[in-house]
């Protein structure tokens, strides 16, 4: 009888612990919730401003948000110069939006968030997923403070490569080029 009572008490304590634990939001849960909120805000803002359609999200979260990944589709033909301006402007909007919310401060490993904490990918193609003309940009990436792009190449290119990657250029270099062209990046 004594063992049955102890067994029942143990079961009750375990059940109480499970019910109690499910109601407690851990720091990781809060960081994930904030990451989802950041993603939702940025997805709407970038769709409204640049017609970017969010297609992927991710990042690195243990207890805090180490980095944030956002992937987009864009359905307009784009040159290398336009790609530079687009990725710099999108990066600026992301940084400005994230850093203007002090309530998000404690959920990021580094604050203010810099270009090294976000990764942006923009896939550029027609709505039917076909490529634009040869030489058009098909993909733009901002990662670890550097950006690059890939262009559409003819079929039969060496090694059956259908795209060619540009050399990487730092975010700061891209900003300098845009300012030199009199097209300073848009931050709003």
C-alpha atoms as a PDB file:
ATOM      1  CA  UNK A   1       0.000   0.000   0.000  1.00  0.00           C
ATOM      2  CA  UNK A   2       2.872   2.310   0.840  1.00  0.00           C
ATOM      3  CA  UNK A   3       4.416   1.826  -2.640  1.00  0.00           C
ATOM      4  CA  UNK A   4       1.107   2.429  -4.378  1.00  0.00           C
ATOM      5  CA  UNK A   5       0.685   5.715  -2.501  1.00  0.00           C
ATOM      6  CA  UNK A   6       4.227   6.796  -3.411  1.00  0.00           C
ATOM      7  CA  UNK A   7       3.649   5.795  -7.037  1.00  0.00           C
ATOM      8  CA  UNK A   8       0.396   7.801  -7.201  1.00  0.00           C
ATOM      9  CA  UNK A   9       2.113  10.796  -5.562  1.00  0.00           C
ATOM     10  CA  UNK A  10       4.951  10.552  -8.093  1.00  0.00           C
ATOM     11  CA  UNK A  11       2.485  10.439 -11.020  1.00  0.00           C
ATOM     12  CA  UNK A  12       0.613  13.470  -9.651  1.00  0.00           C
ATOM     13  CA  UNK A  13       3.873  15.430  -9.279  1.00  0.00           C
ATOM     14  CA  UNK A  14       4.976  14.529 -12.804  1.00  0.00           C
ATOM     15  CA  UNK A  15       1.604  15.549 -14.266  1.00  0.00           C
ATOM     16  CA  UNK A  16       1.635  18.800 -12.283  1.00  0.00           C
ATOM     17  CA  UNK A  17       5.161  19.512 -13.503  1.00  0.00           C
ATOM     18  CA  UNK A  18       4.216  18.883 -17.133  1.00  0.00           C
ATOM     19  CA  UNK A  19       1.140  21.106 -16.916  1.00  0.00           C
ATOM     20  CA  UNK A  20       3.116  23.858 -15.164  1.00  0.00           C
ATOM     21  CA  UNK A  21       6.052  23.686 -17.606  1.00  0.00           C
ATOM     22  CA  UNK A  22       3.794  24.029 -20.647  1.00  0.00           C
ATOM     23  CA  UNK A  23       2.548  27.364 -19.309  1.00  0.00           C
ATOM     24  CA  UNK A  24       6.027  28.828 -18.811  1.00  0.00           C
ATOM     25  CA  UNK A  25       7.667  30.579 -21.739  1.00  0.00           C
ATOM     26  CA  UNK A  26      11.430  30.003 -21.732  1.00  0.00           C
ATOM     27  CA  UNK A  27      13.950  32.586 -22.922  1.00  0.00           C
ATOM     28  CA  UNK A  28      14.416  30.575 -26.138  1.00  0.00           C
ATOM     29  CA  UNK A  29      10.651  30.612 -26.691  1.00  0.00           C
ATOM     30  CA  UNK A  30      10.607  34.387 -26.241  1.00  0.00           C
ATOM     31  CA  UNK A  31      13.536  34.819 -28.659  1.00  0.00           C
ATOM     32  CA  UNK A  32      11.762  32.692 -31.249  1.00  0.00           C
ATOM     33  CA  UNK A  33       8.550  34.701 -30.773  1.00  0.00           C
ATOM     34  CA  UNK A  34      10.474  37.973 -31.267  1.00  0.00           C
ATOM     35  CA  UNK A  35      12.246  36.527 -34.329  1.00  0.00           C
ATOM     36  CA  UNK A  36       8.854  35.642 -35.828  1.00  0.00           C
ATOM     37  CA  UNK A  37       7.559  39.137 -35.037  1.00  0.00           C
ATOM     38  CA  UNK A  38      10.616  40.751 -36.669  1.00  0.00           C
ATOM     39  CA  UNK A  39      10.156  38.543 -39.734  1.00  0.00           C
ATOM     40  CA  UNK A  40       6.468  39.431 -40.021  1.00  0.00           C
ATOM     41  CA  UNK A  41       7.148  43.181 -39.750  1.00  0.00           C
ATOM     42  CA  UNK A  42       9.997  43.062 -42.290  1.00  0.00           C
ATOM     43  CA  UNK A  43       8.084  40.849 -44.734  1.00  0.00           C
ATOM     44  CA  UNK A  44       5.183  43.317 -44.844  1.00  0.00           C
ATOM     45  CA  UNK A  45       7.385  46.404 -45.073  1.00  0.00           C
ATOM     46  CA  UNK A  46       9.561  44.961 -47.869  1.00  0.00           C
ATOM     47  CA  UNK A  47       6.556  43.705 -49.814  1.00  0.00           C
ATOM     48  CA  UNK A  48       4.890  47.117 -49.604  1.00  0.00           C
ATOM     49  CA  UNK A  49       8.059  48.996 -50.539  1.00  0.00           C
ATOM     50  CA  UNK A  50       9.822  46.747 -53.083  1.00  0.00           C
ATOM     51  CA  UNK A  51       7.297  44.030 -54.044  1.00  0.00           C
ATOM     52  CA  UNK A  52       9.505  41.400 -52.416  1.00  0.00           C
ATOM     53  CA  UNK A  53       7.641  38.183 -51.629  1.00  0.00           C
ATOM     54  CA  UNK A  54       8.985  36.334 -48.610  1.00  0.00           C
ATOM     55  CA  UNK A  55       9.668  32.663 -49.365  1.00  0.00           C
ATOM     56  CA  UNK A  56      12.026  31.575 -46.612  1.00  0.00           C
ATOM     57  CA  UNK A  57      13.068  32.433 -43.089  1.00  0.00           C
ATOM     58  CA  UNK A  58      15.573  31.124 -40.613  1.00  0.00           C
ATOM     59  CA  UNK A  59      18.518  32.097 -38.540  1.00  0.00           C
ATOM     60  CA  UNK A  60      20.396  31.146 -35.447  1.00  0.00           C
ATOM     61  CA  UNK A  61      18.662  31.093 -32.087  1.00  0.00           C
ATOM     62  CA  UNK A  62      19.906  29.411 -28.947  1.00  0.00           C
ATOM     63  CA  UNK A  63      18.852  31.683 -26.120  1.00  0.00           C
ATOM     64  CA  UNK A  64      19.214  34.840 -28.203  1.00  0.00           C
ATOM     65  CA  UNK A  65      18.951  35.666 -31.890  1.00  0.00           C
ATOM     66  CA  UNK A  66      22.458  35.411 -33.350  1.00  0.00           C
ATOM     67  CA  UNK A  67      21.454  35.953 -36.965  1.00  0.00           C
ATOM     68  CA  UNK A  68      18.343  36.307 -39.064  1.00  0.00           C
ATOM     69  CA  UNK A  69      17.795  34.925 -42.578  1.00  0.00           C
ATOM     70  CA  UNK A  70      15.133  36.208 -44.966  1.00  0.00           C
ATOM     71  CA  UNK A  71      14.650  34.881 -48.503  1.00  0.00           C
ATOM     72  CA  UNK A  72      12.529  36.681 -51.100  1.00  0.00           C
ATOM     73  CA  UNK A  73      11.274  36.382 -54.660  1.00  0.00           C
ATOM     74  CA  UNK A  74      11.352  39.384 -56.973  1.00  0.00           C
ATOM     75  CA  UNK A  75       9.593  39.424 -60.342  1.00  0.00           C
ATOM     76  CA  UNK A  76      11.297  42.285 -62.184  1.00  0.00           C
ATOM     77  CA  UNK A  77      14.303  42.102 -64.530  1.00  0.00           C
ATOM     78  CA  UNK A  78      17.316  43.515 -62.717  1.00  0.00           C
ATOM     79  CA  UNK A  79      20.780  44.672 -63.769  1.00  0.00           C
ATOM     80  CA  UNK A  80      23.859  44.341 -61.550  1.00  0.00           C
ATOM     81  CA  UNK A  81      23.660  48.041 -60.633  1.00  0.00           C
ATOM     82  CA  UNK A  82      19.957  47.723 -59.752  1.00  0.00           C
ATOM     83  CA  UNK A  83      20.732  44.594 -57.731  1.00  0.00           C
ATOM     84  CA  UNK A  84      23.362  46.506 -55.738  1.00  0.00           C
ATOM     85  CA  UNK A  85      20.898  49.299 -55.010  1.00  0.00           C
ATOM     86  CA  UNK A  86      18.138  46.830 -54.117  1.00  0.00           C
ATOM     87  CA  UNK A  87      20.218  44.730 -51.710  1.00  0.00           C
ATOM     88  CA  UNK A  88      21.688  47.814 -50.003  1.00  0.00           C
ATOM     89  CA  UNK A  89      18.258  49.419 -49.627  1.00  0.00           C
ATOM     90  CA  UNK A  90      16.680  46.193 -48.339  1.00  0.00           C
ATOM     91  CA  UNK A  91      19.568  45.760 -45.896  1.00  0.00           C
ATOM     92  CA  UNK A  92      19.141  49.342 -44.675  1.00  0.00           C
ATOM     93  CA  UNK A  93      15.407  48.899 -44.170  1.00  0.00           C
ATOM     94  CA  UNK A  94      16.008  45.704 -42.191  1.00  0.00           C
ATOM     95  CA  UNK A  95      18.678  47.254 -39.979  1.00  0.00           C
ATOM     96  CA  UNK A  96      16.689  50.414 -39.386  1.00  0.00           C
ATOM     97  CA  UNK A  97      13.498  48.516 -38.564  1.00  0.00           C
ATOM     98  CA  UNK A  98      15.171  46.057 -36.195  1.00  0.00           C
ATOM     99  CA  UNK A  99      17.241  48.695 -34.425  1.00  0.00           C
ATOM    100  CA  UNK A 100      14.292  51.076 -33.997  1.00  0.00           C
ATOM    101  CA  UNK A 101      12.499  48.630 -31.670  1.00  0.00           C
ATOM    102  CA  UNK A 102      14.101  48.837 -28.210  1.00  0.00           C
ATOM    103  CA  UNK A 103      11.758  46.086 -26.964  1.00  0.00           C
ATOM    104  CA  UNK A 104      13.678  43.650 -29.212  1.00  0.00           C
ATOM    105  CA  UNK A 105      17.058  44.681 -27.725  1.00  0.00           C
ATOM    106  CA  UNK A 106      17.562  41.920 -25.208  1.00  0.00           C
ATOM    107  CA  UNK A 107      16.620  39.141 -27.645  1.00  0.00           C
ATOM    108  CA  UNK A 108      19.568  39.731 -30.007  1.00  0.00           C
ATOM    109  CA  UNK A 109      23.090  38.566 -29.218  1.00  0.00           C
ATOM    110  CA  UNK A 110      24.483  41.811 -30.653  1.00  0.00           C
ATOM    111  CA  UNK A 111      22.621  45.072 -30.461  1.00  0.00           C
ATOM    112  CA  UNK A 112      22.475  47.246 -32.401  1.00  0.00           C
ATOM    113  CA  UNK A 113      22.109  44.654 -35.110  1.00  0.00           C
ATOM    114  CA  UNK A 114      24.626  45.056 -37.941  1.00  0.00           C
ATOM    115  CA  UNK A 115      24.911  43.783 -41.480  1.00  0.00           C
ATOM    116  CA  UNK A 116      26.868  40.830 -40.052  1.00  0.00           C
ATOM    117  CA  UNK A 117      23.768  39.592 -38.182  1.00  0.00           C
ATOM    118  CA  UNK A 118      21.419  39.320 -41.159  1.00  0.00           C
ATOM    119  CA  UNK A 119      21.424  37.223 -44.313  1.00  0.00           C
ATOM    120  CA  UNK A 120      19.251  38.236 -47.240  1.00  0.00           C
ATOM    121  CA  UNK A 121      18.605  36.277 -50.428  1.00  0.00           C
ATOM    122  CA  UNK A 122      16.576  37.590 -53.339  1.00  0.00           C
ATOM    123  CA  UNK A 123      15.645  35.162 -56.122  1.00  0.00           C
ATOM    124  CA  UNK A 124      14.844  37.072 -59.299  1.00  0.00           C
ATOM    125  CA  UNK A 125      12.688  35.424 -61.962  1.00  0.00           C
ATOM    126  CA  UNK A 126       9.394  35.705 -63.775  1.00  0.00           C
ATOM    127  CA  UNK A 127       6.184  34.765 -61.974  1.00  0.00           C
ATOM    128  CA  UNK A 128       6.269  31.423 -63.850  1.00  0.00           C
ATOM    129  CA  UNK A 129       9.789  30.824 -62.401  1.00  0.00           C
ATOM    130  CA  UNK A 130      11.548  31.183 -65.756  1.00  0.00           C
ATOM    131  CA  UNK A 131      14.684  33.315 -66.028  1.00  0.00           C
ATOM    132  CA  UNK A 132      14.813  36.751 -67.545  1.00  0.00           C
ATOM    133  CA  UNK A 133      17.154  37.447 -70.499  1.00  0.00           C
ATOM    134  CA  UNK A 134      20.804  36.447 -70.633  1.00  0.00           C
ATOM    135  CA  UNK A 135      22.905  38.709 -68.462  1.00  0.00           C
ATOM    136  CA  UNK A 136      20.023  39.557 -66.126  1.00  0.00           C
ATOM    137  CA  UNK A 137      20.580  39.020 -62.425  1.00  0.00           C
ATOM    138  CA  UNK A 138      18.888  35.862 -61.142  1.00  0.00           C
ATOM    139  CA  UNK A 139      19.997  35.876 -57.494  1.00  0.00           C
ATOM    140  CA  UNK A 140      21.298  38.438 -54.984  1.00  0.00           C
ATOM    141  CA  UNK A 141      22.819  37.534 -51.621  1.00  0.00           C
ATOM    142  CA  UNK A 142      23.891  39.603 -48.597  1.00  0.00           C
ATOM    143  CA  UNK A 143      25.785  37.448 -46.106  1.00  0.00           C
ATOM    144  CA  UNK A 144      28.319  38.335 -43.395  1.00  0.00           C
ATOM    145  CA  UNK A 145      28.507  41.923 -44.609  1.00  0.00           C
ATOM    146  CA  UNK A 146      29.233  41.040 -48.247  1.00  0.00           C
ATOM    147  CA  UNK A 147      26.941  40.876 -51.233  1.00  0.00           C
ATOM    148  CA  UNK A 148      27.155  39.128 -54.566  1.00  0.00           C
ATOM    149  CA  UNK A 149      24.861  38.215 -57.419  1.00  0.00           C
ATOM    150  CA  UNK A 150      24.464  35.584 -60.107  1.00  0.00           C
ATOM    151  CA  UNK A 151      23.556  36.313 -63.700  1.00  0.00           C
ATOM    152  CA  UNK A 152      21.836  34.166 -66.291  1.00  0.00           C
ATOM    153  CA  UNK A 153      24.324  32.599 -68.718  1.00  0.00           C
ATOM    154  CA  UNK A 154      23.627  30.776 -71.970  1.00  0.00           C
ATOM    155  CA  UNK A 155      22.976  27.074 -71.913  1.00  0.00           C
ATOM    156  CA  UNK A 156      26.079  25.176 -72.874  1.00  0.00           C
ATOM    157  CA  UNK A 157      28.312  27.453 -70.809  1.00  0.00           C
ATOM    158  CA  UNK A 158      31.441  25.655 -69.612  1.00  0.00           C
ATOM    159  CA  UNK A 159      30.648  22.791 -67.221  1.00  0.00           C
ATOM    160  CA  UNK A 160      26.928  23.301 -67.920  1.00  0.00           C
ATOM    161  CA  UNK A 161      26.870  26.295 -65.601  1.00  0.00           C
ATOM    162  CA  UNK A 162      23.741  28.322 -66.222  1.00  0.00           C
ATOM    163  CA  UNK A 163      24.727  31.209 -64.004  1.00  0.00           C
ATOM    164  CA  UNK A 164      27.864  33.138 -63.136  1.00  0.00           C
ATOM    165  CA  UNK A 165      28.611  34.565 -59.689  1.00  0.00           C
ATOM    166  CA  UNK A 166      29.987  38.077 -59.277  1.00  0.00           C
ATOM    167  CA  UNK A 167      32.930  38.847 -57.023  1.00  0.00           C
ATOM    168  CA  UNK A 168      31.870  39.657 -53.477  1.00  0.00           C
ATOM    169  CA  UNK A 169      31.683  43.307 -52.531  1.00  0.00           C
ATOM    170  CA  UNK A 170      31.330  44.535 -48.956  1.00  0.00           C
ATOM    171  CA  UNK A 171      28.249  46.393 -47.828  1.00  0.00           C
ATOM    172  CA  UNK A 172      30.408  49.473 -47.192  1.00  0.00           C
ATOM    173  CA  UNK A 173      31.884  49.309 -50.715  1.00  0.00           C
ATOM    174  CA  UNK A 174      28.391  49.053 -52.198  1.00  0.00           C
ATOM    175  CA  UNK A 175      27.247  52.068 -50.147  1.00  0.00           C
ATOM    176  CA  UNK A 176      30.287  54.058 -51.328  1.00  0.00           C
ATOM    177  CA  UNK A 177      29.520  53.224 -54.970  1.00  0.00           C
ATOM    178  CA  UNK A 178      25.871  54.232 -54.582  1.00  0.00           C
ATOM    179  CA  UNK A 179      26.808  57.538 -52.951  1.00  0.00           C
ATOM    180  CA  UNK A 180      29.420  58.207 -55.670  1.00  0.00           C
ATOM    181  CA  UNK A 181      26.708  57.703 -58.298  1.00  0.00           C
ATOM    182  CA  UNK A 182      24.527  60.212 -56.468  1.00  0.00           C
ATOM    183  CA  UNK A 183      21.985  57.501 -55.658  1.00  0.00           C
ATOM    184  CA  UNK A 184      22.586  57.207 -51.919  1.00  0.00           C
ATOM    185  CA  UNK A 185      20.678  54.360 -50.379  1.00  0.00           C
ATOM    186  CA  UNK A 186      17.083  54.792 -49.346  1.00  0.00           C
ATOM    187  CA  UNK A 187      16.578  54.235 -45.630  1.00  0.00           C
ATOM    188  CA  UNK A 188      12.878  54.818 -45.149  1.00  0.00           C
END
